[in-house]
Amino acid sequence: MATRRSEGISETADTRARSAQPKGTRAAARTKSAHRAPVSADDRRAMVAEAAYLRAERRGFIPGHETEDWLAAEQEVDALLKIGGGAAQ
């Protein structure tokens, strides 16, 4: 990310873009992100499947841990959905 030094203060391009927005726009963006649409059951299942696959990949796809991977992935996805404001249907 490119940075610009201005009188001893480092400012990133993202910081400049955010500070260029009117304050009301930033507040509206935060409000919109707090009211996300719920995640469908199919989307949740796809997220769990991907997380379980990544767990198996890190382990080298050694067989015998499929259920363990799936259950851990479900817990991980559900925790992320709870934090993010989405809810599985």
PDB file of N, CA and C in Angstrom:
ATOM      1  N   MET A   1       0.841  -1.157   0.000  1.00  0.00           N
ATOM      2  CA  MET A   1       0.000   0.000   0.000  1.00  0.00           C
ATOM      3  C   MET A   1       0.896   1.233   0.000  1.00  0.00           C
ATOM      4  N   ALA A   2       0.548   2.173  -0.807  1.00  0.00           N
ATOM      5  CA  ALA A   2       1.348   3.388  -0.909  1.00  0.00           C
ATOM      6  C   ALA A   2       1.067   4.302   0.274  1.00  0.00           C
ATOM      7  N   THR A   3       2.121   4.896   0.773  1.00  0.00           N
ATOM      8  CA  THR A   3       1.949   5.854   1.866  1.00  0.00           C
ATOM      9  C   THR A   3       2.550   7.179   1.457  1.00  0.00           C
ATOM     10  N   ARG A   4       2.075   8.223   2.094  1.00  0.00           N
ATOM     11  CA  ARG A   4       2.596   9.550   1.825  1.00  0.00           C
ATOM     12  C   ARG A   4       2.940  10.173   3.165  1.00  0.00           C
ATOM     13  N   ARG A   5       4.118  10.725   3.249  1.00  0.00           N
ATOM     14  CA  ARG A   5       4.528  11.382   4.489  1.00  0.00           C
ATOM     15  C   ARG A   5       4.258  12.866   4.359  1.00  0.00           C
ATOM     16  N   SER A   6       3.584  13.375   5.341  1.00  0.00           N
ATOM     17  CA  SER A   6       3.255  14.789   5.339  1.00  0.00           C
ATOM     18  C   SER A   6       3.539  15.340   6.729  1.00  0.00           C
ATOM     19  N   GLU A   7       4.586  16.087   6.843  1.00  0.00           N
ATOM     20  CA  GLU A   7       4.985  16.705   8.108  1.00  0.00           C
ATOM     21  C   GLU A   7       5.072  15.676   9.232  1.00  0.00           C
ATOM     22  N   GLY A   8       5.707  14.531   8.936  1.00  0.00           N
ATOM     23  CA  GLY A   8       5.948  13.534   9.974  1.00  0.00           C
ATOM     24  C   GLY A   8       4.780  12.600  10.218  1.00  0.00           C
ATOM     25  N   ILE A   9       3.668  12.777   9.507  1.00  0.00           N
ATOM     26  CA  ILE A   9       2.506  11.915   9.698  1.00  0.00           C
ATOM     27  C   ILE A   9       2.353  11.054   8.458  1.00  0.00           C
ATOM     28  N   SER A  10       2.347   9.735   8.654  1.00  0.00           N
ATOM     29  CA  SER A  10       2.176   8.815   7.541  1.00  0.00           C
ATOM     30  C   SER A  10       0.689   8.614   7.297  1.00  0.00           C
ATOM     31  N   GLU A  11       0.287   8.705   6.027  1.00  0.00           N
ATOM     32  CA  GLU A  11      -1.116   8.587   5.682  1.00  0.00           C
ATOM     33  C   GLU A  11      -1.234   7.614   4.511  1.00  0.00           C
ATOM     34  N   THR A  12      -2.081   6.609   4.638  1.00  0.00           N
ATOM     35  CA  THR A  12      -2.252   5.650   3.562  1.00  0.00           C
ATOM     36  C   THR A  12      -3.343   6.131   2.616  1.00  0.00           C
ATOM     37  N   ALA A  13      -3.408   5.496   1.455  1.00  0.00           N
ATOM     38  CA  ALA A  13      -4.433   5.850   0.476  1.00  0.00           C
ATOM     39  C   ALA A  13      -5.817   5.579   1.046  1.00  0.00           C
ATOM     40  N   ASP A  14      -5.976   4.492   1.827  1.00  0.00           N
ATOM     41  CA  ASP A  14      -7.276   4.190   2.430  1.00  0.00           C
ATOM     42  C   ASP A  14      -7.683   5.260   3.423  1.00  0.00           C
ATOM     43  N   THR A  15      -6.738   5.740   4.211  1.00  0.00           N
ATOM     44  CA  THR A  15      -7.035   6.782   5.187  1.00  0.00           C
ATOM     45  C   THR A  15      -7.479   8.049   4.480  1.00  0.00           C
ATOM     46  N   ARG A  16      -6.783   8.400   3.403  1.00  0.00           N
ATOM     47  CA  ARG A  16      -7.169   9.603   2.653  1.00  0.00           C
ATOM     48  C   ARG A  16      -8.562   9.435   2.068  1.00  0.00           C
ATOM     49  N   ALA A  17      -8.878   8.248   1.544  1.00  0.00           N
ATOM     50  CA  ALA A  17     -10.195   8.024   0.945  1.00  0.00           C
ATOM     51  C   ALA A  17     -11.292   8.131   1.993  1.00  0.00           C
ATOM     52  N   ARG A  18     -11.043   7.572   3.170  1.00  0.00           N
ATOM     53  CA  ARG A  18     -12.051   7.654   4.230  1.00  0.00           C
ATOM     54  C   ARG A  18     -12.222   9.070   4.716  1.00  0.00           C
ATOM     55  N   SER A  19     -11.111   9.797   4.860  1.00  0.00           N
ATOM     56  CA  SER A  19     -11.217  11.154   5.375  1.00  0.00           C
ATOM     57  C   SER A  19     -11.829  12.091   4.345  1.00  0.00           C
ATOM     58  N   ALA A  20     -11.814  11.712   3.073  1.00  0.00           N
ATOM     59  CA  ALA A  20     -12.403  12.545   2.028  1.00  0.00           C
ATOM     60  C   ALA A  20     -13.920  12.413   2.010  1.00  0.00           C
ATOM     61  N   GLN A  21     -14.454  11.343   2.592  1.00  0.00           N
ATOM     62  CA  GLN A  21     -15.900  11.155   2.623  1.00  0.00           C
ATOM     63  C   GLN A  21     -16.524  12.071   3.665  1.00  0.00           C
ATOM     64  N   PRO A  22     -17.703  12.587   3.385  1.00  0.00           N
ATOM     65  CA  PRO A  22     -18.413  13.357   4.412  1.00  0.00           C
ATOM     66  C   PRO A  22     -18.725  12.461   5.603  1.00  0.00           C
ATOM     67  N   LYS A  23     -18.758  13.025   6.786  1.00  0.00           N
ATOM     68  CA  LYS A  23     -18.954  12.225   7.995  1.00  0.00           C
ATOM     69  C   LYS A  23     -20.274  11.471   7.982  1.00  0.00           C
ATOM     70  N   GLY A  24     -21.312  12.043   7.442  1.00  0.00           N
ATOM     71  CA  GLY A  24     -22.602  11.361   7.381  1.00  0.00           C
ATOM     72  C   GLY A  24     -22.536  10.099   6.542  1.00  0.00           C
ATOM     73  N   THR A  25     -21.736  10.106   5.485  1.00  0.00           N
ATOM     74  CA  THR A  25     -21.590   8.947   4.615  1.00  0.00           C
ATOM     75  C   THR A  25     -20.921   7.806   5.356  1.00  0.00           C
ATOM     76  N   ARG A  26     -19.894   8.111   6.141  1.00  0.00           N
ATOM     77  CA  ARG A  26     -19.207   7.066   6.902  1.00  0.00           C
ATOM     78  C   ARG A  26     -20.145   6.438   7.927  1.00  0.00           C
ATOM     79  N   ALA A  27     -20.951   7.250   8.587  1.00  0.00           N
ATOM     80  CA  ALA A  27     -21.888   6.723   9.581  1.00  0.00           C
ATOM     81  C   ALA A  27     -22.927   5.837   8.900  1.00  0.00           C
ATOM     82  N   ALA A  28     -23.393   6.236   7.724  1.00  0.00           N
ATOM     83  CA  ALA A  28     -24.370   5.432   6.995  1.00  0.00           C
ATOM     84  C   ALA A  28     -23.758   4.102   6.583  1.00  0.00           C
ATOM     85  N   ALA A  29     -22.510   4.099   6.180  1.00  0.00           N
ATOM     86  CA  ALA A  29     -21.839   2.859   5.783  1.00  0.00           C
ATOM     87  C   ALA A  29     -21.738   1.909   6.965  1.00  0.00           C
ATOM     88  N   ARG A  30     -21.423   2.437   8.146  1.00  0.00           N
ATOM     89  CA  ARG A  30     -21.347   1.581   9.336  1.00  0.00           C
ATOM     90  C   ARG A  30     -22.712   1.013   9.659  1.00  0.00           C
ATOM     91  N   THR A  31     -23.761   1.797   9.518  1.00  0.00           N
ATOM     92  CA  THR A  31     -25.109   1.338   9.816  1.00  0.00           C
ATOM     93  C   THR A  31     -25.517   0.237   8.858  1.00  0.00           C
ATOM     94  N   LYS A  32     -25.218   0.393   7.580  1.00  0.00           N
ATOM     95  CA  LYS A  32     -25.566  -0.618   6.591  1.00  0.00           C
ATOM     96  C   LYS A  32     -24.857  -1.931   6.883  1.00  0.00           C
ATOM     97  N   SER A  33     -23.581  -1.876   7.251  1.00  0.00           N
ATOM     98  CA  SER A  33     -22.849  -3.114   7.496  1.00  0.00           C
ATOM     99  C   SER A  33     -23.353  -3.813   8.750  1.00  0.00           C
ATOM    100  N   ALA A  34     -23.947  -3.082   9.673  1.00  0.00           N
ATOM    101  CA  ALA A  34     -24.469  -3.690  10.890  1.00  0.00           C
ATOM    102  C   ALA A  34     -25.769  -4.446  10.616  1.00  0.00           C
ATOM    103  N   HIS A  35     -26.444  -4.156   9.500  1.00  0.00           N
ATOM    104  CA  HIS A  35     -27.716  -4.789   9.169  1.00  0.00           C
ATOM    105  C   HIS A  35     -27.565  -5.654   7.936  1.00  0.00           C
ATOM    106  N   ARG A  36     -26.739  -6.659   8.032  1.00  0.00           N
ATOM    107  CA  ARG A  36     -26.512  -7.565   6.912  1.00  0.00           C
ATOM    108  C   ARG A  36     -27.670  -8.535   6.791  1.00  0.00           C
ATOM    109  N   ALA A  37     -27.904  -8.994   5.580  1.00  0.00           N
ATOM    110  CA  ALA A  37     -28.934  -9.995   5.347  1.00  0.00           C
ATOM    111  C   ALA A  37     -28.482 -11.323   5.945  1.00  0.00           C
ATOM    112  N   PRO A  38     -29.421 -12.111   6.439  1.00  0.00           N
ATOM    113  CA  PRO A  38     -29.050 -13.415   6.992  1.00  0.00           C
ATOM    114  C   PRO A  38     -28.447 -14.309   5.911  1.00  0.00           C
ATOM    115  N   VAL A  39     -27.591 -15.198   6.327  1.00  0.00           N
ATOM    116  CA  VAL A  39     -26.936 -16.132   5.417  1.00  0.00           C
ATOM    117  C   VAL A  39     -27.863 -17.329   5.229  1.00  0.00           C
ATOM    118  N   SER A  40     -28.063 -17.738   3.984  1.00  0.00           N
ATOM    119  CA  SER A  40     -28.940 -18.884   3.718  1.00  0.00           C
ATOM    120  C   SER A  40     -28.261 -20.169   4.198  1.00  0.00           C
ATOM    121  N   ALA A  41     -29.060 -21.202   4.337  1.00  0.00           N
ATOM    122  CA  ALA A  41     -28.527 -22.502   4.766  1.00  0.00           C
ATOM    123  C   ALA A  41     -27.530 -23.039   3.741  1.00  0.00           C
ATOM    124  N   ASP A  42     -27.810 -22.819   2.449  1.00  0.00           N
ATOM    125  CA  ASP A  42     -26.893 -23.283   1.401  1.00  0.00           C
ATOM    126  C   ASP A  42     -25.561 -22.537   1.459  1.00  0.00           C
ATOM    127  N   ASP A  43     -25.623 -21.220   1.703  1.00  0.00           N
ATOM    128  CA  ASP A  43     -24.388 -20.434   1.806  1.00  0.00           C
ATOM    129  C   ASP A  43     -23.573 -20.869   3.028  1.00  0.00           C
ATOM    130  N   ARG A  44     -24.255 -21.105   4.139  1.00  0.00           N
ATOM    131  CA  ARG A  44     -23.565 -21.551   5.351  1.00  0.00           C
ATOM    132  C   ARG A  44     -22.881 -22.897   5.103  1.00  0.00           C
ATOM    133  N   ARG A  45     -23.598 -23.839   4.435  1.00  0.00           N
ATOM    134  CA  ARG A  45     -23.031 -25.148   4.148  1.00  0.00           C
ATOM    135  C   ARG A  45     -21.797 -25.030   3.259  1.00  0.00           C
ATOM    136  N   ALA A  46     -21.864 -24.127   2.292  1.00  0.00           N
ATOM    137  CA  ALA A  46     -20.705 -23.921   1.404  1.00  0.00           C
ATOM    138  C   ALA A  46     -19.525 -23.358   2.182  1.00  0.00           C
ATOM    139  N   MET A  47     -19.798 -22.453   3.113  1.00  0.00           N
ATOM    140  CA  MET A  47     -18.729 -21.881   3.939  1.00  0.00           C
ATOM    141  C   MET A  47     -18.100 -22.964   4.816  1.00  0.00           C
ATOM    142  N   VAL A  48     -18.942 -23.816   5.394  1.00  0.00           N
ATOM    143  CA  VAL A  48     -18.443 -24.901   6.249  1.00  0.00           C
ATOM    144  C   VAL A  48     -17.621 -25.880   5.414  1.00  0.00           C
ATOM    145  N   ALA A  49     -18.108 -26.211   4.222  1.00  0.00           N
ATOM    146  CA  ALA A  49     -17.379 -27.150   3.357  1.00  0.00           C
ATOM    147  C   ALA A  49     -15.997 -26.607   3.005  1.00  0.00           C
ATOM    148  N   GLU A  50     -15.933 -25.329   2.689  1.00  0.00           N
ATOM    149  CA  GLU A  50     -14.636 -24.730   2.356  1.00  0.00           C
ATOM    150  C   GLU A  50     -13.694 -24.727   3.564  1.00  0.00           C
ATOM    151  N   ALA A  51     -14.231 -24.368   4.731  1.00  0.00           N
ATOM    152  CA  ALA A  51     -13.401 -24.343   5.933  1.00  0.00           C
ATOM    153  C   ALA A  51     -12.903 -25.748   6.284  1.00  0.00           C
ATOM    154  N   ALA A  52     -13.777 -26.755   6.118  1.00  0.00           N
ATOM    155  CA  ALA A  52     -13.374 -28.141   6.395  1.00  0.00           C
ATOM    156  C   ALA A  52     -12.298 -28.595   5.407  1.00  0.00           C
ATOM    157  N   TYR A  53     -12.454 -28.226   4.148  1.00  0.00           N
ATOM    158  CA  TYR A  53     -11.449 -28.567   3.130  1.00  0.00           C
ATOM    159  C   TYR A  53     -10.093 -27.953   3.490  1.00  0.00           C
ATOM    160  N   LEU A  54     -10.108 -26.685   3.884  1.00  0.00           N
ATOM    161  CA  LEU A  54      -8.848 -26.010   4.228  1.00  0.00           C
ATOM    162  C   LEU A  54      -8.184 -26.657   5.441  1.00  0.00           C
ATOM    163  N   ARG A  55      -8.998 -27.110   6.402  1.00  0.00           N
ATOM    164  CA  ARG A  55      -8.436 -27.819   7.558  1.00  0.00           C
ATOM    165  C   ARG A  55      -7.770 -29.125   7.111  1.00  0.00           C
ATOM    166  N   ALA A  56      -8.454 -29.867   6.247  1.00  0.00           N
ATOM    167  CA  ALA A  56      -7.899 -31.132   5.749  1.00  0.00           C
ATOM    168  C   ALA A  56      -6.633 -30.890   4.939  1.00  0.00           C
ATOM    169  N   GLU A  57      -6.640 -29.842   4.159  1.00  0.00           N
ATOM    170  CA  GLU A  57      -5.464 -29.504   3.351  1.00  0.00           C
ATOM    171  C   GLU A  57      -4.256 -29.210   4.244  1.00  0.00           C
ATOM    172  N   ARG A  58      -4.469 -28.435   5.317  1.00  0.00           N
ATOM    173  CA  ARG A  58      -3.359 -28.122   6.239  1.00  0.00           C
ATOM    174  C   ARG A  58      -2.801 -29.385   6.876  1.00  0.00           C
ATOM    175  N   ARG A  59      -3.662 -30.394   7.049  1.00  0.00           N
ATOM    176  CA  ARG A  59      -3.240 -31.640   7.665  1.00  0.00           C
ATOM    177  C   ARG A  59      -2.644 -32.604   6.637  1.00  0.00           C
ATOM    178  N   GLY A  60      -2.676 -32.240   5.368  1.00  0.00           N
ATOM    179  CA  GLY A  60      -2.125 -33.105   4.325  1.00  0.00           C
ATOM    180  C   GLY A  60      -3.117 -34.155   3.845  1.00  0.00           C
ATOM    181  N   PHE A  61      -4.403 -33.933   4.042  1.00  0.00           N
ATOM    182  CA  PHE A  61      -5.479 -34.833   3.608  1.00  0.00           C
ATOM    183  C   PHE A  61      -5.331 -36.241   4.159  1.00  0.00           C
ATOM    184  N   ILE A  62      -4.777 -36.356   5.356  1.00  0.00           N
ATOM    185  CA  ILE A  62      -4.664 -37.665   6.007  1.00  0.00           C
ATOM    186  C   ILE A  62      -6.081 -38.115   6.359  1.00  0.00           C
ATOM    187  N   PRO A  63      -6.489 -39.326   5.905  1.00  0.00           N
ATOM    188  CA  PRO A  63      -7.862 -39.771   6.138  1.00  0.00           C
ATOM    189  C   PRO A  63      -8.139 -40.071   7.609  1.00  0.00           C
ATOM    190  N   GLY A  64      -9.445 -40.057   7.933  1.00  0.00           N
ATOM    191  CA  GLY A  64      -9.876 -40.414   9.275  1.00  0.00           C
ATOM    192  C   GLY A  64     -10.269 -39.231  10.142  1.00  0.00           C
ATOM    193  N   HIS A  65     -10.145 -38.018   9.619  1.00  0.00           N
ATOM    194  CA  HIS A  65     -10.460 -36.833  10.409  1.00  0.00           C
ATOM    195  C   HIS A  65     -11.562 -35.976   9.773  1.00  0.00           C
ATOM    196  N   GLU A  66     -12.308 -36.562   8.853  1.00  0.00           N
ATOM    197  CA  GLU A  66     -13.294 -35.800   8.101  1.00  0.00           C
ATOM    198  C   GLU A  66     -14.383 -35.212   9.000  1.00  0.00           C
ATOM    199  N   THR A  67     -14.914 -36.032   9.895  1.00  0.00           N
ATOM    200  CA  THR A  67     -15.975 -35.564  10.793  1.00  0.00           C
ATOM    201  C   THR A  67     -15.451 -34.487  11.729  1.00  0.00           C
ATOM    202  N   GLU A  68     -14.270 -34.707  12.255  1.00  0.00           N
ATOM    203  CA  GLU A  68     -13.633 -33.717  13.137  1.00  0.00           C
ATOM    204  C   GLU A  68     -13.450 -32.383  12.410  1.00  0.00           C
ATOM    205  N   ASP A  69     -12.992 -32.444  11.153  1.00  0.00           N
ATOM    206  CA  ASP A  69     -12.809 -31.232  10.356  1.00  0.00           C
ATOM    207  C   ASP A  69     -14.136 -30.523  10.135  1.00  0.00           C
ATOM    208  N   TRP A  70     -15.173 -31.284   9.813  1.00  0.00           N
ATOM    209  CA  TRP A  70     -16.475 -30.694   9.521  1.00  0.00           C
ATOM    210  C   TRP A  70     -17.048 -30.005  10.764  1.00  0.00           C
ATOM    211  N   LEU A  71     -16.991 -30.693  11.905  1.00  0.00           N
ATOM    212  CA  LEU A  71     -17.553 -30.123  13.132  1.00  0.00           C
ATOM    213  C   LEU A  71     -16.784 -28.875  13.578  1.00  0.00           C
ATOM    214  N   ALA A  72     -15.473 -28.907  13.450  1.00  0.00           N
ATOM    215  CA  ALA A  72     -14.668 -27.730  13.805  1.00  0.00           C
ATOM    216  C   ALA A  72     -14.970 -26.583  12.844  1.00  0.00           C
ATOM    217  N   ALA A  73     -15.163 -26.901  11.566  1.00  0.00           N
ATOM    218  CA  ALA A  73     -15.485 -25.871  10.581  1.00  0.00           C
ATOM    219  C   ALA A  73     -16.852 -25.261  10.866  1.00  0.00           C
ATOM    220  N   GLU A  74     -17.813 -26.082  11.276  1.00  0.00           N
ATOM    221  CA  GLU A  74     -19.145 -25.559  11.629  1.00  0.00           C
ATOM    222  C   GLU A  74     -19.045 -24.572  12.786  1.00  0.00           C
ATOM    223  N   GLN A  75     -18.289 -24.925  13.809  1.00  0.00           N
ATOM    224  CA  GLN A  75     -18.123 -24.024  14.955  1.00  0.00           C
ATOM    225  C   GLN A  75     -17.465 -22.719  14.528  1.00  0.00           C
ATOM    226  N   GLU A  76     -16.447 -22.813  13.691  1.00  0.00           N
ATOM    227  CA  GLU A  76     -15.722 -21.637  13.218  1.00  0.00           C
ATOM    228  C   GLU A  76     -16.639 -20.714  12.405  1.00  0.00           C
ATOM    229  N   VAL A  77     -17.381 -21.286  11.470  1.00  0.00           N
ATOM    230  CA  VAL A  77     -18.277 -20.494  10.621  1.00  0.00           C
ATOM    231  C   VAL A  77     -19.393 -19.876  11.457  1.00  0.00           C
ATOM    232  N   ASP A  78     -19.989 -20.650  12.351  1.00  0.00           N
ATOM    233  CA  ASP A  78     -21.064 -20.114  13.189  1.00  0.00           C
ATOM    234  C   ASP A  78     -20.569 -18.967  14.056  1.00  0.00           C
ATOM    235  N   ALA A  79     -19.352 -19.080  14.582  1.00  0.00           N
ATOM    236  CA  ALA A  79     -18.788 -17.995  15.385  1.00  0.00           C
ATOM    237  C   ALA A  79     -18.575 -16.748  14.534  1.00  0.00           C
ATOM    238  N   LEU A  80     -18.078 -16.927  13.317  1.00  0.00           N
ATOM    239  CA  LEU A  80     -17.868 -15.785  12.427  1.00  0.00           C
ATOM    240  C   LEU A  80     -19.192 -15.141  12.031  1.00  0.00           C
ATOM    241  N   LEU A  81     -20.217 -15.955  11.782  1.00  0.00           N
ATOM    242  CA  LEU A  81     -21.516 -15.404  11.420  1.00  0.00           C
ATOM    243  C   LEU A  81     -22.141 -14.652  12.595  1.00  0.00           C
ATOM    244  N   LYS A  82     -21.934 -15.150  13.789  1.00  0.00           N
ATOM    245  CA  LYS A  82     -22.466 -14.468  14.978  1.00  0.00           C
ATOM    246  C   LYS A  82     -21.784 -13.119  15.167  1.00  0.00           C
ATOM    247  N   ILE A  83     -20.471 -13.077  15.014  1.00  0.00           N
ATOM    248  CA  ILE A  83     -19.715 -11.829  15.159  1.00  0.00           C
ATOM    249  C   ILE A  83     -20.088 -10.852  14.045  1.00  0.00           C
ATOM    250  N   GLY A  84     -20.239 -11.374  12.817  1.00  0.00           N
ATOM    251  CA  GLY A  84     -20.517 -10.526  11.665  1.00  0.00           C
ATOM    252  C   GLY A  84     -21.942 -10.041  11.596  1.00  0.00           C
ATOM    253  N   GLY A  85     -22.836 -10.542  12.429  1.00  0.00           N
ATOM    254  CA  GLY A  85     -24.201 -10.070  12.433  1.00  0.00           C
ATOM    255  C   GLY A  85     -25.132 -10.893  11.567  1.00  0.00           C
ATOM    256  N   GLY A  86     -24.596 -11.806  10.750  1.00  0.00           N
ATOM    257  CA  GLY A  86     -25.447 -12.669   9.945  1.00  0.00           C
ATOM    258  C   GLY A  86     -25.912 -13.832  10.781  1.00  0.00           C
ATOM    259  N   ALA A  87     -26.989 -14.472  10.363  1.00  0.00           N
ATOM    260  CA  ALA A  87     -27.488 -15.633  11.096  1.00  0.00           C
ATOM    261  C   ALA A  87     -27.885 -16.702  10.107  1.00  0.00           C
ATOM    262  N   ALA A  88     -27.548 -17.926  10.414  1.00  0.00           N
ATOM    263  CA  ALA A  88     -27.929 -19.033   9.539  1.00  0.00           C
ATOM    264  C   ALA A  88     -29.412 -19.292   9.688  1.00  0.00           C
ATOM    265  N   GLN A  89     -30.046 -19.654   8.581  1.00  0.00           N
ATOM    266  CA  GLN A  89     -31.493 -19.925   8.633  1.00  0.00           C
ATOM    267  C   GLN A  89     -31.729 -21.391   8.830  1.00  0.00           C
TER     268      GLN A  89
END
